[in-house]
C-alpha atoms as a PDB file:
ATOM      1  CA  MET A   1       0.000   0.000   0.000  1.00  0.00           C
ATOM      2  CA  LYS A   2       1.218   3.497  -0.798  1.00  0.00           C
ATOM      3  CA  ALA A   3       0.596   6.350   1.625  1.00  0.00           C
ATOM      4  CA  ARG A   4      -0.775   9.510   0.007  1.00  0.00           C
ATOM      5  CA  ALA A   5      -1.280  13.041   1.226  1.00  0.00           C
ATOM      6  CA  LEU A   6      -4.619  14.449   0.051  1.00  0.00           C
ATOM      7  CA  LEU A   7      -6.030  17.942   0.205  1.00  0.00           C
ATOM      8  CA  GLU A   8      -9.787  18.186  -0.296  1.00  0.00           C
ATOM      9  CA  LEU A   9     -11.202  21.527  -1.360  1.00  0.00           C
ATOM     10  CA  THR A  10     -14.604  22.993  -1.951  1.00  0.00           C
ATOM     11  CA  VAL A  11     -14.833  25.868  -4.434  1.00  0.00           C
ATOM     12  CA  ASP A  12     -17.600  28.450  -4.085  1.00  0.00           C
ATOM     13  CA  LEU A  13     -18.637  29.081  -7.678  1.00  0.00           C
ATOM     14  CA  ALA A  14     -20.028  32.483  -6.682  1.00  0.00           C
ATOM     15  CA  ASN A  15     -16.393  33.636  -6.345  1.00  0.00           C
ATOM     16  CA  PRO A  16     -14.342  31.203  -8.457  1.00  0.00           C
ATOM     17  CA  ALA A  17     -11.223  33.297  -9.150  1.00  0.00           C
ATOM     18  CA  ALA A  18     -10.487  33.988  -5.484  1.00  0.00           C
ATOM     19  CA  GLU A  19     -11.387  30.430  -4.515  1.00  0.00           C
ATOM     20  CA  LEU A  20      -9.088  28.927  -7.135  1.00  0.00           C
ATOM     21  CA  THR A  21      -6.295  31.295  -6.119  1.00  0.00           C
ATOM     22  CA  ASP A  22      -6.674  30.148  -2.524  1.00  0.00           C
ATOM     23  CA  ALA A  23      -6.711  26.510  -3.641  1.00  0.00           C
ATOM     24  CA  ILE A  24      -3.513  26.944  -5.635  1.00  0.00           C
ATOM     25  CA  SER A  25      -1.860  28.659  -2.678  1.00  0.00           C
ATOM     26  CA  ALA A  26      -2.933  25.806  -0.385  1.00  0.00           C
ATOM     27  CA  VAL A  27      -1.481  23.197  -2.738  1.00  0.00           C
ATOM     28  CA  LEU A  28       1.757  25.105  -3.212  1.00  0.00           C
ATOM     29  CA  GLY A  29       2.099  25.470   0.535  1.00  0.00           C
ATOM     30  CA  SER A  30       1.625  21.725   0.967  1.00  0.00           C
ATOM     31  CA  ILE A  31       4.215  20.438  -1.501  1.00  0.00           C
ATOM     32  CA  ALA A  32       7.984  20.475  -1.571  1.00  0.00           C
ATOM     33  CA  PRO A  33       9.532  23.725  -2.801  1.00  0.00           C
ATOM     34  CA  ALA A  34      11.259  21.817  -5.610  1.00  0.00           C
ATOM     35  CA  GLN A  35       7.839  20.815  -7.046  1.00  0.00           C
ATOM     36  CA  ARG A  36       6.274  24.282  -7.030  1.00  0.00           C
ATOM     37  CA  LYS A  37       7.761  25.550 -10.290  1.00  0.00           C
ATOM     38  CA  SER A  38       6.659  22.411 -12.146  1.00  0.00           C
ATOM     39  CA  VAL A  39       3.114  22.721 -10.782  1.00  0.00           C
ATOM     40  CA  LEU A  40       2.937  26.404 -11.713  1.00  0.00           C
ATOM     41  CA  ARG A  41       4.241  25.704 -15.223  1.00  0.00           C
ATOM     42  CA  SER A  42       1.611  23.000 -15.694  1.00  0.00           C
ATOM     43  CA  LEU A  43      -1.100  25.398 -14.530  1.00  0.00           C
ATOM     44  CA  ASP A  44       0.262  28.107 -16.830  1.00  0.00           C
ATOM     45  CA  GLU A  45       0.020  25.706 -19.782  1.00  0.00           C
ATOM     46  CA  ALA A  46      -3.545  24.675 -18.887  1.00  0.00           C
ATOM     47  CA  VAL A  47      -4.658  28.294 -18.494  1.00  0.00           C
ATOM     48  CA  GLY A  48      -3.010  29.217 -21.804  1.00  0.00           C
ATOM     49  CA  VAL A  49      -4.836  26.418 -23.605  1.00  0.00           C
ATOM     50  CA  ALA A  50      -8.148  27.448 -22.023  1.00  0.00           C
ATOM     51  CA  LEU A  51      -7.638  31.096 -23.006  1.00  0.00           C
ATOM     52  CA  ALA A  52      -6.745  30.127 -26.576  1.00  0.00           C
ATOM     53  CA  SER A  53      -9.870  27.994 -26.769  1.00  0.00           C
ATOM     54  CA  LEU A  54     -11.999  30.905 -25.590  1.00  0.00           C
ATOM     55  CA  ALA A  55     -10.378  33.186 -28.160  1.00  0.00           C
ATOM     56  CA  ASP A  56     -11.133  30.638 -30.895  1.00  0.00           C
ATOM     57  CA  GLU A  57     -14.764  30.413 -29.794  1.00  0.00           C
ATOM     58  CA  THR A  58     -15.079  34.205 -29.778  1.00  0.00           C
ATOM     59  CA  GLU A  59     -13.623  34.469 -33.289  1.00  0.00           C
ATOM     60  CA  ALA A  60     -15.914  31.719 -34.579  1.00  0.00           C
ATOM     61  CA  ALA A  61     -18.985  33.478 -33.162  1.00  0.00           C
ATOM     62  CA  ALA A  62     -18.074  36.786 -34.823  1.00  0.00           C
END
């Protein structure tokens, strides 16, 4: 059996940006400093893809 550290979060969708920011801060504060840059780069990539997708949708609707 492998031991795992889990962090469970609930996000209030009435205030998603602040809630997600707090969640990211909680995760970063719970992992080794050496992992933080990798996690942030992965998030940066995911956000970039999501923004590009939104831009594509906006252009297609115009």
